[in-house]
Amino acid sequence: MKCPYCDKEILGITCPECGGSIPEDSHYCLYCGAELHSTTTGEDDTKSAGGADSIDFQDRIPCPDGNCIGIIIDGKCNICGKRYKGKKK
């Protein structure tokens, strides 16, 4: 499958439900919405999202980007990587 913006090749898989070509790290098909079960990793998604399992959510600082859903961990956003320059709450 090719990126529609830069025309580079994206590693992909075929949806078992509709046959659409989708990125290999997808959890759902982009075309039919079928849930895709990954058998390669048994890791919990919260652990791979920047160590969110060890964060005290009462003291979290949301990403200052405004469009990102990440939180500040060690001075930067765990999703987009934007640096946080403000004071800790």
C-alpha atoms as a PDB file:
ATOM      1  CA  MET A   1       0.000   0.000   0.000  1.00  0.00           C
ATOM      2  CA  LYS A   2       1.297   3.480  -0.856  1.00  0.00           C
ATOM      3  CA  CYS A   3       1.084   6.677   1.173  1.00  0.00           C
ATOM      4  CA  PRO A   4      -1.360   9.036  -0.565  1.00  0.00           C
ATOM      5  CA  TYR A   5       0.805  12.058   0.325  1.00  0.00           C
ATOM      6  CA  CYS A   6       4.413  11.056  -0.375  1.00  0.00           C
ATOM      7  CA  ASP A   7       3.908   7.917  -2.520  1.00  0.00           C
ATOM      8  CA  LYS A   8       6.214   5.836  -0.279  1.00  0.00           C
ATOM      9  CA  GLU A   9       5.448   2.174   0.296  1.00  0.00           C
ATOM     10  CA  ILE A  10       3.738   1.399   3.643  1.00  0.00           C
ATOM     11  CA  LEU A  11       4.025  -2.095   5.098  1.00  0.00           C
ATOM     12  CA  GLY A  12       0.549  -3.508   5.087  1.00  0.00           C
ATOM     13  CA  ILE A  13      -1.725  -6.479   5.565  1.00  0.00           C
ATOM     14  CA  THR A  14      -4.957  -7.581   3.937  1.00  0.00           C
ATOM     15  CA  CYS A  15      -8.188  -7.375   5.921  1.00  0.00           C
ATOM     16  CA  PRO A  16      -9.616 -10.891   6.341  1.00  0.00           C
ATOM     17  CA  GLU A  17     -13.180  -9.517   6.140  1.00  0.00           C
ATOM     18  CA  CYS A  18     -13.203  -7.196   3.114  1.00  0.00           C
ATOM     19  CA  GLY A  19      -9.785  -7.747   1.500  1.00  0.00           C
ATOM     20  CA  GLY A  20      -8.745  -4.095   1.840  1.00  0.00           C
ATOM     21  CA  SER A  21      -5.056  -3.203   2.121  1.00  0.00           C
ATOM     22  CA  ILE A  22      -4.367  -1.606   5.524  1.00  0.00           C
ATOM     23  CA  PRO A  23      -1.257  -0.661   7.581  1.00  0.00           C
ATOM     24  CA  GLU A  24       0.141  -3.677   9.422  1.00  0.00           C
ATOM     25  CA  ASP A  25      -0.108  -2.081  12.885  1.00  0.00           C
ATOM     26  CA  SER A  26      -3.856  -1.366  12.513  1.00  0.00           C
ATOM     27  CA  HIS A  27      -6.250  -2.620  15.162  1.00  0.00           C
ATOM     28  CA  TYR A  28      -9.296  -2.080  12.923  1.00  0.00           C
ATOM     29  CA  CYS A  29      -9.830  -2.158   9.163  1.00  0.00           C
ATOM     30  CA  LEU A  30      -9.979   1.319   7.628  1.00  0.00           C
ATOM     31  CA  TYR A  31     -12.627   0.217   5.123  1.00  0.00           C
ATOM     32  CA  CYS A  32     -15.064  -2.115   6.878  1.00  0.00           C
ATOM     33  CA  GLY A  33     -14.239  -1.512  10.565  1.00  0.00           C
ATOM     34  CA  ALA A  34     -13.514  -5.173  11.304  1.00  0.00           C
ATOM     35  CA  GLU A  35     -11.475  -5.721  14.460  1.00  0.00           C
ATOM     36  CA  LEU A  36      -8.080  -7.232  13.720  1.00  0.00           C
ATOM     37  CA  HIS A  37      -6.524  -9.504  16.312  1.00  0.00           C
ATOM     38  CA  SER A  38      -2.753  -9.317  16.520  1.00  0.00           C
ATOM     39  CA  THR A  39      -1.134 -12.578  17.583  1.00  0.00           C
ATOM     40  CA  THR A  40       2.392 -11.141  17.519  1.00  0.00           C
ATOM     41  CA  THR A  41       2.222  -9.172  20.778  1.00  0.00           C
ATOM     42  CA  GLY A  42       0.499  -9.878  24.042  1.00  0.00           C
ATOM     43  CA  GLU A  43       1.611  -6.563  25.515  1.00  0.00           C
ATOM     44  CA  ASP A  44      -0.949  -4.252  27.060  1.00  0.00           C
ATOM     45  CA  ASP A  45      -1.470  -1.041  25.026  1.00  0.00           C
ATOM     46  CA  THR A  46      -1.151   1.187  28.107  1.00  0.00           C
ATOM     47  CA  LYS A  47       2.370  -0.055  28.738  1.00  0.00           C
ATOM     48  CA  SER A  48       3.473   0.665  25.180  1.00  0.00           C
ATOM     49  CA  ALA A  49       1.982   4.174  25.267  1.00  0.00           C
ATOM     50  CA  GLY A  50       4.850   5.696  27.201  1.00  0.00           C
ATOM     51  CA  GLY A  51       4.582   3.848  30.519  1.00  0.00           C
ATOM     52  CA  ALA A  52       1.113   5.091  31.391  1.00  0.00           C
ATOM     53  CA  ASP A  53       0.692   2.260  33.901  1.00  0.00           C
ATOM     54  CA  SER A  54       3.079   4.012  36.334  1.00  0.00           C
ATOM     55  CA  ILE A  55       1.597   7.530  36.079  1.00  0.00           C
ATOM     56  CA  ASP A  56      -0.422   9.205  38.805  1.00  0.00           C
ATOM     57  CA  PHE A  57      -3.350  10.508  36.770  1.00  0.00           C
ATOM     58  CA  GLN A  58      -4.329  13.068  39.421  1.00  0.00           C
ATOM     59  CA  ASP A  59      -1.149  15.048  38.652  1.00  0.00           C
ATOM     60  CA  ARG A  60      -1.007  14.585  34.880  1.00  0.00           C
ATOM     61  CA  ILE A  61      -0.313  17.510  32.562  1.00  0.00           C
ATOM     62  CA  PRO A  62      -2.034  17.400  29.154  1.00  0.00           C
ATOM     63  CA  CYS A  63      -0.029  18.090  26.011  1.00  0.00           C
ATOM     64  CA  PRO A  64       0.070  21.847  25.233  1.00  0.00           C
ATOM     65  CA  ASP A  65      -0.371  21.169  21.502  1.00  0.00           C
ATOM     66  CA  GLY A  66      -4.151  21.497  21.693  1.00  0.00           C
ATOM     67  CA  ASN A  67      -4.819  18.723  19.173  1.00  0.00           C
ATOM     68  CA  CYS A  68      -2.858  15.930  20.847  1.00  0.00           C
ATOM     69  CA  ILE A  69      -4.330  13.587  23.476  1.00  0.00           C
ATOM     70  CA  GLY A  70      -0.975  12.849  25.113  1.00  0.00           C
ATOM     71  CA  ILE A  71       0.302  13.729  28.573  1.00  0.00           C
ATOM     72  CA  ILE A  72       3.630  15.173  29.677  1.00  0.00           C
ATOM     73  CA  ILE A  73       6.116  12.577  30.915  1.00  0.00           C
ATOM     74  CA  ASP A  74       9.702  13.605  31.719  1.00  0.00           C
ATOM     75  CA  GLY A  75       9.280  17.010  30.076  1.00  0.00           C
ATOM     76  CA  LYS A  76       7.727  15.917  26.777  1.00  0.00           C
ATOM     77  CA  CYS A  77       4.456  14.568  25.384  1.00  0.00           C
ATOM     78  CA  ASN A  78       4.234  10.775  25.334  1.00  0.00           C
ATOM     79  CA  ILE A  79       2.309  10.846  22.014  1.00  0.00           C
ATOM     80  CA  CYS A  80       3.649  13.645  19.785  1.00  0.00           C
ATOM     81  CA  GLY A  81       6.962  14.329  21.556  1.00  0.00           C
ATOM     82  CA  LYS A  82       6.401  18.086  21.959  1.00  0.00           C
ATOM     83  CA  ARG A  83       8.506  19.574  24.764  1.00  0.00           C
ATOM     84  CA  TYR A  84       6.728  21.089  27.778  1.00  0.00           C
ATOM     85  CA  LYS A  85       8.278  24.351  28.988  1.00  0.00           C
ATOM     86  CA  GLY A  86       5.743  25.323  31.639  1.00  0.00           C
ATOM     87  CA  LYS A  87       5.763  24.720  35.357  1.00  0.00           C
ATOM     88  CA  LYS A  88       4.593  21.447  36.798  1.00  0.00           C
ATOM     89  CA  LYS A  89       1.176  21.642  38.447  1.00  0.00           C
END
